[in-house]
């Protein structure tokens, strides 16, 4: 499940669903993890204990933690992230950031890196537009000045103004299958190139 950044939103989901579902774990984009629902905030002590237990289990399997991570990537796919921050200082900069968000909302890109944008998710008006069907779905979330574009190849681009700095931040998440450990460097290089191309493609719309 996705939430806005902040463990208060993860804790809220735990509370909403605790009678019907079991919470396993949650994490934030930059840092912070929670294992189990006892604390309901980011908990480094529990996270370190879980990593220690995982390390011991991996050692029993004659594996390193990196080996385990490779196994996960081969089974579920390789996800790779990138971030760019654009600084716009002063009052004029703040106005420019708001204009960028307005432009992207009013005239969103149809293609990014020549790949169709299939979903436009707007946390400001809590809508999820499926571009192929033109169907608009309600979004179960709190309001926030965040836009997300999802492309046909499962790339996800999230744009938001920083809450603490004169910046607009753009997060990229891209995906590729991974058939073997020997493919890792080649696939990561391809995904780095993909993020670079997505970034250039998006910035043309500013």
Protein backbone atom coordinates (compact mmCIF):
# COMPACT_ATOMS: atom_id res chain seq x y z
CA UNK A 1 0.00 0.00 0.00
CA UNK A 2 1.11 3.56 -0.68
CA UNK A 3 0.75 6.45 1.75
CA UNK A 4 2.05 9.98 1.91
CA UNK A 5 5.50 10.42 3.47
CA UNK A 6 5.38 10.17 7.26
CA UNK A 7 4.86 7.29 9.65
CA UNK A 8 1.70 8.90 10.98
CA UNK A 9 0.10 7.87 7.69
CA UNK A 10 1.43 4.31 7.95
CA UNK A 11 0.17 4.13 11.55
CA UNK A 12 -3.21 5.40 10.37
CA UNK A 13 -3.43 2.53 7.84
CA UNK A 14 -2.54 0.05 10.58
CA UNK A 15 -5.38 1.38 12.70
CA UNK A 16 -7.87 1.31 9.85
CA UNK A 17 -7.11 -2.28 8.86
CA UNK A 18 -5.99 -3.99 12.08
CA UNK A 19 -9.27 -5.89 12.51
CA UNK A 20 -9.12 -7.40 9.01
CA UNK A 21 -5.44 -7.53 7.97
CA UNK A 22 -2.04 -8.18 9.56
CA UNK A 23 0.60 -5.47 9.24
CA UNK A 24 4.02 -6.90 8.33
CA UNK A 25 6.25 -3.88 7.72
CA UNK A 26 6.50 -0.38 6.33
CA UNK A 27 9.15 2.09 5.26
CA UNK A 28 9.75 5.58 3.97
CA UNK A 29 11.53 6.61 0.77
CA UNK A 30 14.51 8.22 2.48
CA UNK A 31 14.85 6.39 5.81
CA UNK A 32 12.87 4.73 8.58
CA UNK A 33 11.35 1.25 8.90
CA UNK A 34 8.77 -0.45 11.09
CA UNK A 35 8.43 -4.19 11.64
CA UNK A 36 5.20 -5.28 13.33
CA UNK A 37 2.54 -2.98 14.74
CA UNK A 38 3.59 -2.56 18.40
CA UNK A 39 5.34 0.82 18.04
CA UNK A 40 3.49 2.41 15.09
CA UNK A 41 6.37 4.75 14.33
CA UNK A 42 9.76 4.23 12.70
CA UNK A 43 11.73 1.93 14.96
CA UNK A 44 15.47 1.50 14.42
CA UNK A 45 15.82 -1.00 17.29
CA UNK A 46 13.31 -3.45 15.82
CA UNK A 47 14.72 -2.92 12.32
CA UNK A 48 18.28 -3.68 13.48
CA UNK A 49 17.06 -6.81 15.26
CA UNK A 50 15.33 -7.98 12.08
CA UNK A 51 18.46 -7.35 9.98
CA UNK A 52 20.54 -9.31 12.51
CA UNK A 53 18.09 -12.22 12.36
CA UNK A 54 18.07 -12.11 8.55
CA UNK A 55 21.89 -12.07 8.49
CA UNK A 56 22.01 -15.14 10.74
CA UNK A 57 19.46 -16.95 8.53
CA UNK A 58 21.42 -16.06 5.37
CA UNK A 59 24.65 -17.36 6.93
CA UNK A 60 22.92 -20.68 7.66
CA UNK A 61 22.10 -20.82 3.92
CA UNK A 62 25.74 -20.01 3.04
CA UNK A 63 24.57 -16.68 1.61
CA UNK A 64 25.32 -13.01 2.19
CA UNK A 65 22.62 -10.34 2.53
CA UNK A 66 23.46 -9.27 -1.01
CA UNK A 67 22.84 -12.83 -2.21
CA UNK A 68 19.40 -12.70 -0.60
CA UNK A 69 18.70 -9.36 -2.27
CA UNK A 70 19.70 -10.80 -5.65
CA UNK A 71 17.32 -13.72 -5.09
CA UNK A 72 14.50 -11.25 -4.40
CA UNK A 73 15.30 -9.25 -7.54
CA UNK A 74 15.33 -12.40 -9.68
CA UNK A 75 11.96 -13.52 -8.29
CA UNK A 76 10.13 -10.19 -8.20
CA UNK A 77 12.06 -7.90 -10.56
CA UNK A 78 14.69 -5.19 -10.20
CA UNK A 79 13.39 -1.80 -9.06
CA UNK A 80 15.73 1.17 -9.30
CA UNK A 81 15.18 4.71 -8.01
CA UNK A 82 16.50 8.17 -8.77
CA UNK A 83 15.88 11.70 -7.50
CA UNK A 84 16.48 15.15 -8.90
CA UNK A 85 15.92 18.39 -7.00
CA UNK A 86 15.49 21.72 -8.74
CA UNK A 87 16.16 24.81 -6.61
CA UNK A 88 14.06 27.95 -7.15
CA UNK A 89 15.02 30.58 -4.56
CA UNK A 90 13.06 33.53 -3.27
CA UNK A 91 9.47 34.62 -3.73
CA UNK A 92 9.77 34.38 -7.51
CA UNK A 93 11.14 30.86 -7.16
CA UNK A 94 8.22 29.78 -4.97
CA UNK A 95 5.80 31.17 -7.54
CA UNK A 96 7.66 29.35 -10.32
CA UNK A 97 7.41 26.05 -8.43
CA UNK A 98 3.66 26.51 -8.04
CA UNK A 99 3.39 27.35 -11.75
CA UNK A 100 5.27 24.15 -12.65
CA UNK A 101 2.80 22.09 -10.63
CA UNK A 102 -0.12 23.95 -12.20
CA UNK A 103 1.23 23.39 -15.71
CA UNK A 104 1.75 19.67 -15.12
CA UNK A 105 -1.81 19.38 -13.79
CA UNK A 106 -3.44 21.36 -16.57
CA UNK A 107 -1.40 19.90 -19.44
CA UNK A 108 0.09 16.60 -18.25
CA UNK A 109 2.47 14.74 -20.55
CA UNK A 110 0.89 12.10 -22.78
CA UNK A 111 4.23 10.37 -23.33
CA UNK A 112 7.43 10.29 -21.27
CA UNK A 113 10.54 8.96 -22.98
CA UNK A 114 8.20 7.96 -25.85
CA UNK A 115 6.27 5.65 -23.49
CA UNK A 116 2.55 6.21 -22.93
CA UNK A 117 1.50 7.68 -19.58
CA UNK A 118 -1.25 5.30 -18.47
CA UNK A 119 -2.07 6.75 -15.04
CA UNK A 120 -2.11 10.27 -13.62
CA UNK A 121 -2.51 10.37 -9.84
CA UNK A 122 -3.17 13.75 -8.24
CA UNK A 123 -3.01 13.88 -4.47
CA UNK A 124 -4.19 17.49 -4.51
CA UNK A 125 -7.70 16.69 -5.75
CA UNK A 126 -7.53 12.98 -4.80
CA UNK A 127 -8.11 11.58 -8.28
CA UNK A 128 -6.60 8.74 -10.29
CA UNK A 129 -7.04 9.11 -14.05
CA UNK A 130 -6.66 6.03 -16.24
CA UNK A 131 -5.70 7.67 -19.51
CA UNK A 132 -6.61 4.76 -21.80
CA UNK A 133 -10.21 4.55 -20.59
CA UNK A 134 -10.51 8.19 -19.42
CA UNK A 135 -11.91 6.75 -16.21
CA UNK A 136 -11.38 8.87 -13.08
CA UNK A 137 -11.16 6.93 -9.83
CA UNK A 138 -11.31 8.39 -6.32
CA UNK A 139 -8.05 8.26 -4.36
CA UNK A 140 -8.18 7.10 -0.74
CA UNK A 141 -5.57 9.43 0.74
CA UNK A 142 -4.98 12.72 2.49
CA UNK A 143 -4.58 15.76 0.25
CA UNK A 144 -1.06 16.82 -0.66
CA UNK A 145 0.60 18.79 -3.45
CA UNK A 146 1.92 15.66 -5.18
CA UNK A 147 1.55 14.40 -8.75
CA UNK A 148 2.40 10.94 -10.02
CA UNK A 149 2.71 9.70 -13.59
CA UNK A 150 2.85 5.97 -14.32
CA UNK A 151 3.95 4.82 -17.76
CA UNK A 152 3.11 1.70 -19.73
CA UNK A 153 6.48 0.12 -18.86
CA UNK A 154 5.73 0.48 -15.10
CA UNK A 155 7.93 3.52 -14.54
CA UNK A 156 6.62 5.83 -11.81
CA UNK A 157 7.44 9.53 -11.60
CA UNK A 158 6.42 11.51 -8.51
CA UNK A 159 6.66 15.32 -8.35
CA UNK A 160 6.25 17.48 -5.25
CA UNK A 161 7.48 20.79 -3.89
CA UNK A 162 9.71 20.41 -0.85
CA UNK A 163 8.06 21.31 2.43
CA UNK A 164 11.29 22.67 3.96
CA UNK A 165 13.45 23.94 1.07
CA UNK A 166 12.94 26.13 -2.03
CA UNK A 167 12.98 23.06 -4.26
CA UNK A 168 10.77 20.93 -6.43
CA UNK A 169 11.64 17.25 -6.12
CA UNK A 170 11.14 14.57 -8.75
CA UNK A 171 11.37 10.90 -7.80
CA UNK A 172 11.83 8.18 -10.42
CA UNK A 173 11.15 4.48 -9.97
CA UNK A 174 11.88 2.18 -12.90
CA UNK A 175 11.61 -1.57 -13.33
CA UNK A 176 13.23 -4.43 -15.21
CA UNK A 177 13.11 -8.19 -14.96
CA UNK A 178 16.33 -9.91 -13.87
CA UNK A 179 16.93 -13.46 -15.06
CA UNK A 180 20.37 -14.04 -13.52
CA UNK A 181 22.92 -12.48 -11.17
CA UNK A 182 25.29 -11.92 -14.08
CA UNK A 183 22.83 -9.47 -15.65
CA UNK A 184 22.82 -7.09 -12.69
CA UNK A 185 25.33 -4.47 -13.87
CA UNK A 186 23.90 -4.40 -17.40
CA UNK A 187 20.35 -4.02 -16.11
CA UNK A 188 21.29 -1.32 -13.58
CA UNK A 189 23.11 0.64 -16.30
CA UNK A 190 20.01 0.36 -18.50
CA UNK A 191 17.78 1.61 -15.67
CA UNK A 192 20.13 4.53 -14.95
CA UNK A 193 19.87 5.49 -18.64
CA UNK A 194 16.10 5.12 -18.46
CA UNK A 195 15.89 7.50 -15.48
CA UNK A 196 18.06 10.03 -17.32
CA UNK A 197 15.81 9.88 -20.39
CA UNK A 198 12.66 10.16 -18.30
CA UNK A 199 14.10 13.20 -16.54
CA UNK A 200 14.94 14.97 -19.81
CA UNK A 201 11.53 14.10 -21.22
CA UNK A 202 9.67 15.44 -18.16
CA UNK A 203 11.69 18.66 -17.92
CA UNK A 204 10.55 19.60 -21.43
CA UNK A 205 7.06 20.07 -19.97
CA UNK A 206 8.19 22.66 -17.37
